[in-house]
Amino acid sequence: MINAQNSDTIQSVNQAEWQRTSVKHEVAAPLYSHTTQIRYADNNRFSKVELQYDDQKEKQAHIAQLGKGVLNREVNLSGFNPLPNNQLAWGKASYKNKIIKKPLWNETSDFRLLYPYITGDSIGGDIRSEQYNFTGGYARQIKQWTVATRFDYRGLLEYRNIDPRPKNTVNDVKAFVGAGYLINNKWNMGLDVYAGKYKQTANIAYFSELGATPVYHFVGLARQYARFFGDKTSYYYDGNNMGVSLSIYPADAKGMAIDFDYSFFDCRKIILSLNKLPMSRLKNYQFRSNLIFRSAFNNKLDYGVGASPQYSFKVGQENIFGDPIMNEYRQIASVNQYYETDFYTDAFVFVEYPVVDKLRLSAKPAVTYFYNKERYILPKRLKQRQGWNKQFQLALAYKKNKTLYSLKTDLFFISPTKSALILEELEDDVRFEKTERQNFQNYAAKQSGGSAALSVYYEFNKLFSTYLKGEYTYIQNDAQNKINGYSLNLGFLF
């Protein structure tokens, strides 16, 4: 049966939120992302409206291309709605309005997705960003089978109102389908596949009478495609992605839950200013898994262990062109110049205990091993880091009359055990190297920090509740860099 209950059978919206905010529920969140498993994500129908405000400030940009922090305002809507005949519908929508503070050498949106093939200049400045997200899904159970589908859309507009004036428009669409089978009324096995299309169109304009500063098309590790620097200010990214996942989830939420995911992203960078010249191609292969075991002692003390290994591999291909004829370049070869390997795996344990009926405590220590290596083949360049991240989470939840209080603290300590940076054959513009070395100082430094969040829910009646959440984050590293951030959330549950 579809798990969600009708609204007239739940005790209260706060009681449902009490269950959603438990650590035993949170650790299984990656499994619920599959269309064939989302029916186990909640036992209650709900709708949520949330307003959010975030402000993050960095003393020195951790990554120069991403700026010195973000000011973010957003509205989030979500719903989880069971229908007759074992059907389920769910959806999310959000609008984000951000100011990205003083990024440098980057005018491209979705930096982490498209790196190393980004475009930038030496001036930079605050970027304004507006993002729209929509998700809608449907699932139906037919005897032992579950069929499900989901559609995701992300629209993004980023721009600046002073020179240089980038204007980036992103459309990112994904469609999912899945089928699941309940084995012995115990284990739900799901197979999900998706395909998607990515497109970013970008243009950099200059209105000043003093002229334009050069635009650079970077290829990784402080390298640029020197042949195309200058006034090539119109370009776009054209990408496709696909993925498949296999998941197994226990219907009673106890025991082992497992998933295995594979995804692939293939994207070309095209310079419109040169008659749609295909400058480069990026391929990203990603493998991810979650293994989670949960149980309970005397139906009171919840406990569990888990691990989440992930491996990704990027390959960057640069195209080589002959001499131009009528501003058209003929491609004569291509070469794989950039490689990036990224691997991490975490392991955690958790315990959650109701001290009394109205007070719940939980603890979740975790340790993560990480390894990252970037290589540029010719000239030889390399950036590498590996090490450990130790984390500890402590949470408390308390119910009193119509009010629910939730306090959560997270602490972490990142300690790289090995790091290296090699930059052979330096560019004529020493600013590229200076920025890369500055980024590396933060990349290779030890880091420590944490966050504390307090949420207060007030229930007006059985079917309506409002909440206020405040969170503060602090991070520092050995490179004398500090990050301070806070967020405020006002929400309504019904």
Protein backbone atom coordinates (compact mmCIF):
# COMPACT_ATOMS: atom_id res chain seq x y z
CA MET A 1 0.00 0.00 0.00
CA ILE A 2 1.06 3.59 -0.59
CA ASN A 3 2.26 4.57 2.87
CA ALA A 4 0.90 8.09 3.19
CA GLN A 5 -2.14 8.37 5.42
CA ASN A 6 -5.17 10.55 4.94
CA SER A 7 -5.02 13.87 6.76
CA ASP A 8 -7.83 12.90 9.12
CA THR A 9 -5.83 9.95 10.50
CA ILE A 10 -2.68 11.81 11.60
CA GLN A 11 -2.32 12.97 15.16
CA SER A 12 -1.09 16.44 14.20
CA VAL A 13 1.23 18.26 11.79
CA ASN A 14 3.76 18.72 14.60
CA GLN A 15 3.71 15.01 15.34
CA ALA A 16 4.42 14.33 11.66
CA GLU A 17 7.28 16.84 11.71
CA TRP A 18 8.65 15.17 14.85
CA GLN A 19 9.01 12.00 12.76
CA ARG A 20 10.48 13.77 9.70
CA THR A 21 13.22 15.52 11.70
CA SER A 22 14.47 12.35 13.38
CA VAL A 23 17.99 11.26 12.47
CA LYS A 24 16.79 7.76 11.53
CA HIS A 25 14.64 9.40 8.85
CA GLU A 26 17.30 11.86 7.68
CA VAL A 27 19.99 9.23 7.05
CA ALA A 28 17.66 7.47 4.58
CA ALA A 29 16.93 10.67 2.58
CA PRO A 30 19.17 9.61 -0.38
CA LEU A 31 17.01 6.49 -0.83
CA TYR A 32 13.82 8.55 -0.89
CA SER A 33 15.13 10.53 -3.87
CA HIS A 34 14.30 7.58 -6.15
CA THR A 35 10.84 7.71 -7.71
CA THR A 36 10.25 4.06 -6.83
CA GLN A 37 11.09 4.58 -3.13
CA ILE A 38 9.61 8.01 -2.35
CA ARG A 39 6.39 6.43 -1.10
CA TYR A 40 8.37 5.37 1.99
CA ALA A 41 9.57 8.93 2.65
CA ASP A 42 6.57 9.94 4.71
CA ASN A 43 3.57 8.50 6.50
CA ASN A 44 1.47 11.65 6.26
CA ARG A 45 0.04 14.00 3.70
CA PHE A 46 1.50 17.50 3.99
CA SER A 47 2.08 20.80 2.24
CA LYS A 48 4.79 23.31 3.11
CA VAL A 49 5.41 26.98 2.33
CA GLU A 50 8.78 28.38 3.39
CA LEU A 51 10.54 31.74 3.17
CA GLN A 52 14.32 31.66 3.56
CA TYR A 53 17.06 34.27 3.96
CA ASP A 54 20.78 33.40 3.94
CA ASP A 55 23.89 35.55 4.19
CA GLN A 56 27.38 34.07 3.92
CA LYS A 57 30.55 36.15 4.12
CA GLU A 58 34.11 35.02 3.44
CA LYS A 59 37.12 37.01 4.62
CA GLN A 60 38.95 35.78 1.52
CA ALA A 61 37.32 33.88 -1.30
CA HIS A 62 37.78 30.15 -0.72
CA ILE A 63 37.58 29.76 -4.50
CA ALA A 64 38.09 33.10 -6.28
CA GLN A 65 35.78 32.15 -9.14
CA LEU A 66 32.87 31.59 -6.71
CA GLY A 67 33.26 34.89 -4.87
CA LYS A 68 33.37 36.00 -1.24
CA GLY A 69 29.98 34.72 -0.18
CA VAL A 70 26.32 34.76 -1.17
CA LEU A 71 23.24 36.71 -0.14
CA ASN A 72 20.22 34.51 -0.84
CA ARG A 73 16.47 34.99 -0.57
CA GLU A 74 14.09 32.24 -1.61
CA VAL A 75 10.56 30.90 -1.50
CA ASN A 76 9.96 27.14 -1.36
CA LEU A 77 6.71 25.23 -1.86
CA SER A 78 6.34 21.48 -1.50
CA GLY A 79 3.59 18.92 -1.22
CA PHE A 80 3.14 15.18 -0.65
CA ASN A 81 -0.34 13.98 -1.51
CA PRO A 82 -1.76 10.42 -1.49
CA LEU A 83 -4.60 9.76 -3.94
CA PRO A 84 -7.24 7.01 -4.16
CA ASN A 85 -6.34 3.59 -5.56
CA ASN A 86 -2.83 3.48 -4.10
CA GLN A 87 -1.65 6.54 -6.00
CA LEU A 88 0.72 9.25 -4.86
CA ALA A 89 1.55 12.70 -6.22
CA TRP A 90 4.26 15.03 -4.99
CA GLY A 91 5.83 18.25 -6.11
CA LYS A 92 8.17 21.12 -5.30
CA ALA A 93 8.63 24.65 -6.59
CA SER A 94 11.09 27.34 -5.57
CA TYR A 95 12.33 30.79 -6.51
CA LYS A 96 15.82 31.95 -5.46
CA ASN A 97 17.12 35.49 -5.72
CA LYS A 98 20.85 35.73 -4.96
CA ILE A 99 23.76 38.11 -5.04
CA ILE A 100 27.09 36.34 -5.55
CA LYS A 101 29.72 38.55 -3.95
CA LYS A 102 32.71 39.58 -6.07
CA PRO A 103 33.59 36.48 -8.11
CA LEU A 104 36.81 36.87 -10.10
CA TRP A 105 37.95 35.24 -13.36
CA ASN A 106 34.53 33.69 -13.85
CA GLU A 107 31.46 34.93 -15.72
CA THR A 108 29.99 31.45 -16.31
CA SER A 109 27.04 30.03 -14.38
CA ASP A 110 27.17 26.52 -12.89
CA PHE A 111 30.91 26.76 -12.30
CA ARG A 112 31.30 23.39 -10.56
CA LEU A 113 29.38 21.56 -13.28
CA LEU A 114 31.25 23.08 -16.24
CA TYR A 115 34.76 23.54 -14.84
CA PRO A 116 37.40 23.67 -16.32
CA TYR A 117 35.76 25.21 -19.43
CA ILE A 118 34.65 28.53 -17.98
CA THR A 119 34.94 32.10 -19.26
CA GLY A 120 36.22 35.02 -17.21
CA ASP A 121 37.85 38.42 -17.04
CA SER A 122 40.05 40.36 -14.63
CA ILE A 123 37.34 42.73 -13.31
CA GLY A 124 34.51 40.56 -12.01
CA GLY A 125 32.09 42.04 -9.50
CA ASP A 126 28.79 41.10 -7.84
CA ILE A 127 26.52 38.84 -9.89
CA ARG A 128 22.75 38.85 -9.56
CA SER A 129 21.07 35.48 -9.88
CA GLU A 130 17.46 34.34 -10.23
CA GLN A 131 16.65 30.64 -10.23
CA TYR A 132 13.37 28.76 -10.69
CA ASN A 133 12.96 25.07 -9.81
CA PHE A 134 9.98 22.83 -10.46
CA THR A 135 9.58 19.14 -9.66
CA GLY A 136 6.50 17.00 -10.12
CA GLY A 137 6.10 13.28 -9.58
CA TYR A 138 3.49 10.53 -9.68
CA ALA A 139 3.56 6.93 -8.43
CA ARG A 140 1.03 4.12 -8.40
CA GLN A 141 1.10 0.74 -6.72
CA ILE A 142 -0.53 -2.15 -8.61
CA LYS A 143 -0.42 -5.26 -6.44
CA GLN A 144 3.30 -5.87 -5.82
CA TRP A 145 4.41 -3.44 -8.53
CA THR A 146 5.07 0.28 -8.32
CA VAL A 147 5.35 2.47 -11.41
CA ALA A 148 6.53 6.05 -11.08
CA THR A 149 7.62 9.08 -13.05
CA ARG A 150 9.08 12.50 -12.26
CA PHE A 151 9.94 15.68 -14.14
CA ASP A 152 12.52 18.28 -13.01
CA TYR A 153 13.10 21.73 -14.46
CA ARG A 154 15.63 24.38 -13.45
CA GLY A 155 15.76 27.82 -15.02
CA LEU A 156 18.55 30.26 -14.16
CA LEU A 157 19.30 33.85 -15.10
CA GLU A 158 22.54 35.51 -13.94
CA TYR A 159 23.68 39.01 -14.88
CA ARG A 160 25.53 42.18 -13.86
CA ASN A 161 24.37 45.74 -14.48
CA ILE A 162 27.84 47.32 -14.79
CA ASP A 163 30.75 46.47 -17.10
CA PRO A 164 31.57 43.73 -17.77
CA ARG A 165 27.90 42.74 -18.19
CA PRO A 166 27.44 38.96 -18.46
CA LYS A 167 23.98 37.59 -19.13
CA ASN A 168 23.66 33.83 -18.71
CA THR A 169 20.47 31.87 -19.29
CA VAL A 170 20.29 28.23 -18.20
CA ASN A 171 17.65 25.62 -18.96
CA ASP A 172 18.14 22.26 -17.28
CA VAL A 173 15.51 19.54 -17.76
CA LYS A 174 15.37 15.93 -16.54
CA ALA A 175 12.71 13.23 -16.95
CA PHE A 176 12.63 10.11 -14.73
CA VAL A 177 10.75 6.81 -14.98
CA GLY A 178 10.93 3.86 -12.61
CA ALA A 179 9.47 0.51 -11.71
CA GLY A 180 9.57 -1.26 -8.37
CA TYR A 181 8.61 -4.70 -7.08
CA LEU A 182 7.81 -5.61 -3.47
CA ILE A 183 9.51 -8.91 -2.63
CA ASN A 184 7.78 -11.01 0.05
CA ASN A 185 6.03 -7.86 1.31
CA LYS A 186 9.39 -6.94 2.85
CA TRP A 187 11.86 -5.53 0.34
CA ASN A 188 10.98 -3.00 -2.32
CA MET A 189 13.39 -3.24 -5.26
CA GLY A 190 13.37 -0.26 -7.61
CA LEU A 191 14.93 0.52 -10.97
CA ASP A 192 15.00 4.17 -12.04
CA VAL A 193 16.36 5.78 -15.20
CA TYR A 194 16.52 9.38 -16.32
CA ALA A 195 17.59 11.48 -19.28
CA GLY A 196 18.11 15.21 -19.44
CA LYS A 197 19.11 18.21 -21.51
CA TYR A 198 21.31 21.11 -20.40
CA LYS A 199 21.74 24.42 -22.22
CA GLN A 200 23.47 27.62 -21.10
CA THR A 201 23.59 30.65 -23.38
CA ALA A 202 26.01 33.42 -22.39
CA ASN A 203 27.04 36.83 -23.62
CA ILE A 204 29.29 39.52 -22.11
CA ALA A 205 28.58 43.14 -23.07
CA TYR A 206 30.48 46.42 -22.49
CA PHE A 207 28.79 49.82 -22.56
CA SER A 208 31.73 51.97 -21.39
CA GLU A 209 33.26 54.39 -23.86
CA LEU A 210 36.68 53.36 -22.55
CA GLY A 211 36.35 50.00 -24.29
CA ALA A 212 36.31 46.39 -23.20
CA THR A 213 38.68 44.30 -21.10
CA PRO A 214 39.88 41.00 -22.59
CA VAL A 215 37.76 37.88 -22.09
CA TYR A 216 39.54 34.57 -21.44
CA HIS A 217 38.33 31.05 -22.19
CA PHE A 218 39.94 28.87 -19.52
CA VAL A 219 40.82 25.19 -19.87
CA GLY A 220 41.88 24.31 -16.31
CA LEU A 221 44.59 24.87 -13.71
CA ALA A 222 45.23 28.52 -14.67
CA ARG A 223 45.47 27.72 -18.40
CA GLN A 224 43.52 29.55 -21.11
CA TYR A 225 42.93 28.87 -24.80
CA ALA A 226 45.21 31.75 -25.86
CA ARG A 227 44.10 31.69 -29.48
CA PHE A 228 40.57 32.75 -28.58
CA PHE A 229 41.15 35.35 -25.87
CA GLY A 230 40.06 38.96 -26.37
CA ASP A 231 36.64 39.84 -27.74
CA LYS A 232 35.02 36.38 -28.10
CA THR A 233 32.17 37.26 -25.74
CA SER A 234 29.27 35.11 -27.02
CA TYR A 235 29.23 31.40 -26.31
CA TYR A 236 27.00 28.58 -25.09
CA TYR A 237 27.11 25.14 -23.49
CA ASP A 238 25.14 22.26 -24.95
CA GLY A 239 24.89 19.16 -22.79
CA ASN A 240 23.09 15.87 -22.31
CA ASN A 241 22.90 13.68 -19.25
CA MET A 242 21.53 10.32 -18.29
CA GLY A 243 21.53 8.02 -15.31
CA VAL A 244 20.32 4.74 -13.88
CA SER A 245 19.89 3.54 -10.30
CA LEU A 246 19.04 0.31 -8.53
CA SER A 247 17.70 0.50 -4.98
CA ILE A 248 16.43 -1.86 -2.29
CA TYR A 249 14.46 -0.53 0.67
CA PRO A 250 12.83 -2.38 3.60
CA ALA A 251 9.10 -1.73 3.73
CA ASP A 252 9.14 -1.58 7.54
CA ALA A 253 12.11 0.86 7.53
CA LYS A 254 14.26 -1.60 9.48
CA GLY A 255 17.27 -3.51 8.23
CA MET A 256 19.51 -2.84 5.26
CA ALA A 257 18.76 -0.26 2.56
CA ILE A 258 21.03 -0.02 -0.48
CA ASP A 259 21.25 1.92 -3.70
CA PHE A 260 23.69 2.11 -6.62
CA ASP A 261 23.65 5.07 -9.02
CA TYR A 262 25.44 5.79 -12.27
CA SER A 263 25.22 9.12 -14.13
CA PHE A 264 26.89 10.61 -17.18
CA PHE A 265 27.12 14.21 -18.35
CA ASP A 266 28.42 15.20 -21.79
CA CYS A 267 28.74 18.89 -22.65
CA ARG A 268 30.27 20.96 -25.46
CA LYS A 269 31.35 24.59 -25.28
CA ILE A 270 30.56 26.50 -28.47
CA ILE A 271 31.90 30.01 -29.21
CA LEU A 272 29.18 31.88 -31.11
CA SER A 273 31.53 34.79 -31.84
CA LEU A 274 33.48 32.42 -34.12
CA ASN A 275 30.57 30.99 -36.13
CA LYS A 276 29.70 28.31 -33.56
CA LEU A 277 33.25 27.05 -33.10
CA PRO A 278 33.26 23.89 -30.89
CA MET A 279 36.08 24.82 -28.51
CA SER A 280 35.92 21.93 -26.04
CA ARG A 281 34.01 18.95 -24.73
CA LEU A 282 33.58 17.80 -21.13
CA LYS A 283 32.55 14.31 -20.02
CA ASN A 284 31.74 13.49 -16.39
CA TYR A 285 31.17 9.92 -15.17
CA GLN A 286 29.82 9.49 -11.64
CA PHE A 287 29.17 6.43 -9.49
CA ARG A 288 27.45 6.69 -6.12
CA SER A 289 26.11 4.28 -3.52
CA ASN A 290 24.42 4.37 -0.13
CA LEU A 291 24.43 1.49 2.33
CA ILE A 292 22.36 2.04 5.47
CA PHE A 293 21.35 -0.32 8.26
CA ARG A 294 18.73 0.75 10.83
CA SER A 295 17.18 -1.09 13.73
CA ALA A 296 15.74 -0.55 17.20
CA PHE A 297 16.37 -1.97 20.64
CA ASN A 298 13.21 -2.77 22.60
CA ASN A 299 11.33 -0.63 20.05
CA LYS A 300 12.72 2.42 21.81
CA LEU A 301 16.41 3.02 21.13
CA ASP A 302 16.94 3.54 17.40
CA TYR A 303 20.41 2.94 16.01
CA GLY A 304 22.14 2.39 12.72
CA VAL A 305 25.29 2.50 10.62
CA GLY A 306 25.94 3.55 7.06
CA ALA A 307 28.40 4.46 4.33
CA SER A 308 28.14 6.52 1.13
CA PRO A 309 31.02 6.00 -1.32
CA GLN A 310 31.15 8.20 -4.42
CA TYR A 311 33.52 8.30 -7.39
CA SER A 312 33.56 10.71 -10.31
CA PHE A 313 35.86 11.09 -13.29
CA LYS A 314 36.04 14.11 -15.61
CA VAL A 315 37.67 14.15 -19.03
CA GLY A 316 38.25 17.44 -20.83
CA GLN A 317 38.83 17.48 -24.58
CA GLU A 318 40.21 20.49 -26.45
CA ASN A 319 39.71 20.86 -30.18
CA ILE A 320 42.54 22.07 -32.43
CA PHE A 321 41.89 24.27 -35.44
CA GLY A 322 43.69 25.36 -38.59
CA ASP A 323 44.03 28.90 -39.86
CA PRO A 324 40.74 30.79 -40.27
CA ILE A 325 39.14 31.35 -43.66
CA MET A 326 36.46 34.08 -43.68
CA ASN A 327 36.40 33.92 -39.86
CA GLU A 328 35.71 30.18 -39.96
CA TYR A 329 38.10 27.75 -38.29
CA ARG A 330 38.40 24.21 -39.59
CA GLN A 331 38.85 21.59 -36.87
CA ILE A 332 41.89 19.43 -37.59
CA ALA A 333 42.25 17.41 -34.38
CA SER A 334 41.19 16.99 -30.76
CA VAL A 335 43.12 15.98 -27.68
CA ASN A 336 42.23 15.00 -24.12
CA GLN A 337 44.12 17.51 -22.00
CA TYR A 338 42.29 17.64 -18.66
CA TYR A 339 41.48 14.85 -16.19
CA GLU A 340 39.95 15.03 -12.73
CA THR A 341 39.41 12.16 -10.30
CA ASP A 342 37.29 12.67 -7.21
CA PHE A 343 36.58 9.98 -4.62
CA TYR A 344 35.16 10.09 -1.15
CA THR A 345 33.44 7.74 1.22
CA ASP A 346 31.96 8.38 4.61
CA ALA A 347 31.03 6.03 7.42
CA PHE A 348 28.68 6.92 10.26
CA VAL A 349 26.82 5.51 13.21
CA PHE A 350 23.81 7.01 14.94
CA VAL A 351 21.76 6.49 18.06
CA GLU A 352 18.45 8.11 18.88
CA TYR A 353 16.75 7.78 22.22
CA PRO A 354 13.51 9.20 23.66
CA VAL A 355 14.53 10.12 27.21
CA VAL A 356 10.85 10.69 27.95
CA ASP A 357 7.86 10.79 25.63
CA LYS A 358 8.41 14.49 24.92
CA LEU A 359 12.22 14.61 24.77
CA ARG A 360 14.43 12.95 22.15
CA LEU A 361 18.23 12.95 21.89
CA SER A 362 20.36 11.78 18.99
CA ALA A 363 24.06 11.61 18.16
CA LYS A 364 25.76 10.87 14.86
CA PRO A 365 29.56 10.68 14.61
CA ALA A 366 31.01 10.23 11.12
CA VAL A 367 34.34 10.10 9.31
CA THR A 368 34.99 10.77 5.62
CA TYR A 369 38.00 9.93 3.48
CA PHE A 370 38.48 12.14 0.42
CA TYR A 371 40.81 12.12 -2.59
CA ASN A 372 40.88 14.67 -5.40
CA LYS A 373 43.33 14.99 -8.29
CA GLU A 374 43.34 17.34 -11.27
CA ARG A 375 45.78 16.90 -14.16
CA TYR A 376 46.56 18.97 -17.24
CA ILE A 377 48.68 16.97 -19.66
CA LEU A 378 50.73 19.46 -21.69
CA PRO A 379 52.24 21.53 -20.23
CA LYS A 380 52.23 19.39 -17.10
CA ARG A 381 50.04 20.73 -14.32
CA LEU A 382 48.68 18.98 -11.26
CA LYS A 383 46.62 19.74 -8.17
CA GLN A 384 46.00 17.05 -5.60
CA ARG A 385 44.58 16.61 -2.13
CA GLN A 386 43.63 13.71 0.12
CA GLY A 387 42.76 13.43 3.77
CA TRP A 388 40.05 13.00 6.37
CA ASN A 389 36.98 14.85 7.54
CA LYS A 390 35.73 14.06 11.03
CA GLN A 391 32.19 15.12 11.93
CA PHE A 392 29.89 14.98 14.92
CA GLN A 393 26.20 15.83 15.04
CA LEU A 394 24.12 16.21 18.19
CA ALA A 395 20.38 16.89 18.10
CA LEU A 396 17.64 17.45 20.63
CA ALA A 397 13.88 17.66 20.10
CA TYR A 398 11.34 18.61 22.76
CA LYS A 399 7.52 18.81 22.66
CA LYS A 400 5.51 20.95 25.05
CA ASN A 401 1.79 21.42 24.55
CA LYS A 402 1.43 22.88 21.05
CA THR A 403 5.09 23.75 20.60
CA LEU A 404 7.92 21.64 19.17
CA TYR A 405 11.55 22.70 19.72
CA SER A 406 14.43 21.29 17.71
CA LEU A 407 18.12 22.06 18.34
CA LYS A 408 20.88 20.64 16.14
CA THR A 409 24.65 21.20 16.25
CA ASP A 410 27.26 20.01 13.76
CA LEU A 411 31.04 20.08 14.19
CA PHE A 412 33.72 19.09 11.68
CA PHE A 413 37.48 19.02 11.27
CA ILE A 414 39.13 18.56 7.85
CA SER A 415 42.76 17.46 7.86
CA PRO A 416 44.46 16.92 4.49
CA THR A 417 47.30 14.41 4.75
CA LYS A 418 48.78 15.08 1.32
CA SER A 419 48.57 17.98 -1.11
CA ALA A 420 50.50 19.14 -4.16
CA LEU A 421 50.42 21.86 -6.80
CA ILE A 422 52.58 21.80 -9.95
CA LEU A 423 52.31 24.58 -12.54
CA GLU A 424 54.78 24.17 -15.40
CA GLU A 425 55.21 26.64 -18.27
CA LEU A 426 53.51 29.63 -16.71
CA GLU A 427 51.16 31.89 -18.63
CA ASP A 428 52.27 35.36 -19.75
CA ASP A 429 49.61 36.77 -17.41
CA VAL A 430 50.92 36.01 -13.91
CA ARG A 431 47.51 36.81 -12.43
CA PHE A 432 46.22 33.37 -13.46
CA GLU A 433 48.95 31.63 -11.49
CA LYS A 434 48.49 33.95 -8.49
CA THR A 435 44.78 33.13 -8.32
CA GLU A 436 45.40 29.39 -8.65
CA ARG A 437 47.96 29.46 -5.84
CA GLN A 438 45.62 31.47 -3.65
CA ASN A 439 42.85 28.93 -4.26
CA PHE A 440 45.30 26.13 -3.44
CA GLN A 441 46.13 27.65 -0.04
CA ASN A 442 42.50 27.20 1.00
CA TYR A 443 42.20 23.85 -0.82
CA ALA A 444 45.18 22.35 1.06
CA ALA A 445 44.60 23.99 4.47
CA LYS A 446 43.23 22.33 7.56
CA GLN A 447 39.68 23.45 8.28
CA SER A 448 37.41 23.34 11.28
CA GLY A 449 34.00 24.71 12.06
CA GLY A 450 30.43 23.96 12.79
CA SER A 451 26.85 25.11 12.83
CA ALA A 452 24.00 25.44 15.29
CA ALA A 453 20.33 25.54 14.31
CA LEU A 454 17.24 26.15 16.44
CA SER A 455 13.71 25.52 15.14
CA VAL A 456 10.45 26.31 16.90
CA TYR A 457 7.13 24.93 15.60
CA TYR A 458 3.80 26.19 16.90
CA GLU A 459 0.65 24.21 16.15
CA PHE A 460 -2.50 26.31 15.78
CA ASN A 461 -4.65 23.24 15.27
CA LYS A 462 -4.34 19.65 14.17
CA LEU A 463 -3.84 20.57 10.51
CA PHE A 464 -1.88 23.82 10.62
CA SER A 465 1.49 24.75 12.09
CA THR A 466 4.03 27.53 11.62
CA TYR A 467 7.73 27.45 12.38
CA LEU A 468 10.76 29.68 12.65
CA LYS A 469 14.31 28.41 12.18
CA GLY A 470 17.62 30.18 12.72
CA GLU A 471 21.07 28.80 11.91
CA TYR A 472 24.61 30.11 12.33
CA THR A 473 27.71 28.67 10.61
CA TYR A 474 31.37 29.38 11.28
CA ILE A 475 34.40 27.95 9.41
CA GLN A 476 38.08 28.78 9.66
CA ASN A 477 41.24 27.34 8.15
CA ASP A 478 45.02 27.49 8.47
CA ALA A 479 45.21 29.95 5.57
CA GLN A 480 43.72 32.60 7.87
CA ASN A 481 40.40 32.50 6.03
CA LYS A 482 37.08 32.68 7.86
CA ILE A 483 33.50 32.09 6.77
CA ASN A 484 30.53 33.40 8.72
CA GLY A 485 26.98 32.62 7.68
CA TYR A 486 23.49 32.71 9.04
CA SER A 487 20.05 31.80 7.75
CA LEU A 488 16.47 32.47 8.82
CA ASN A 489 13.47 30.40 7.74
CA LEU A 490 9.78 31.09 8.24
CA GLY A 491 7.48 28.27 7.25
CA PHE A 492 3.93 26.98 7.30
CA LEU A 493 2.88 23.32 7.44
CA PHE A 494 -0.60 22.09 6.64
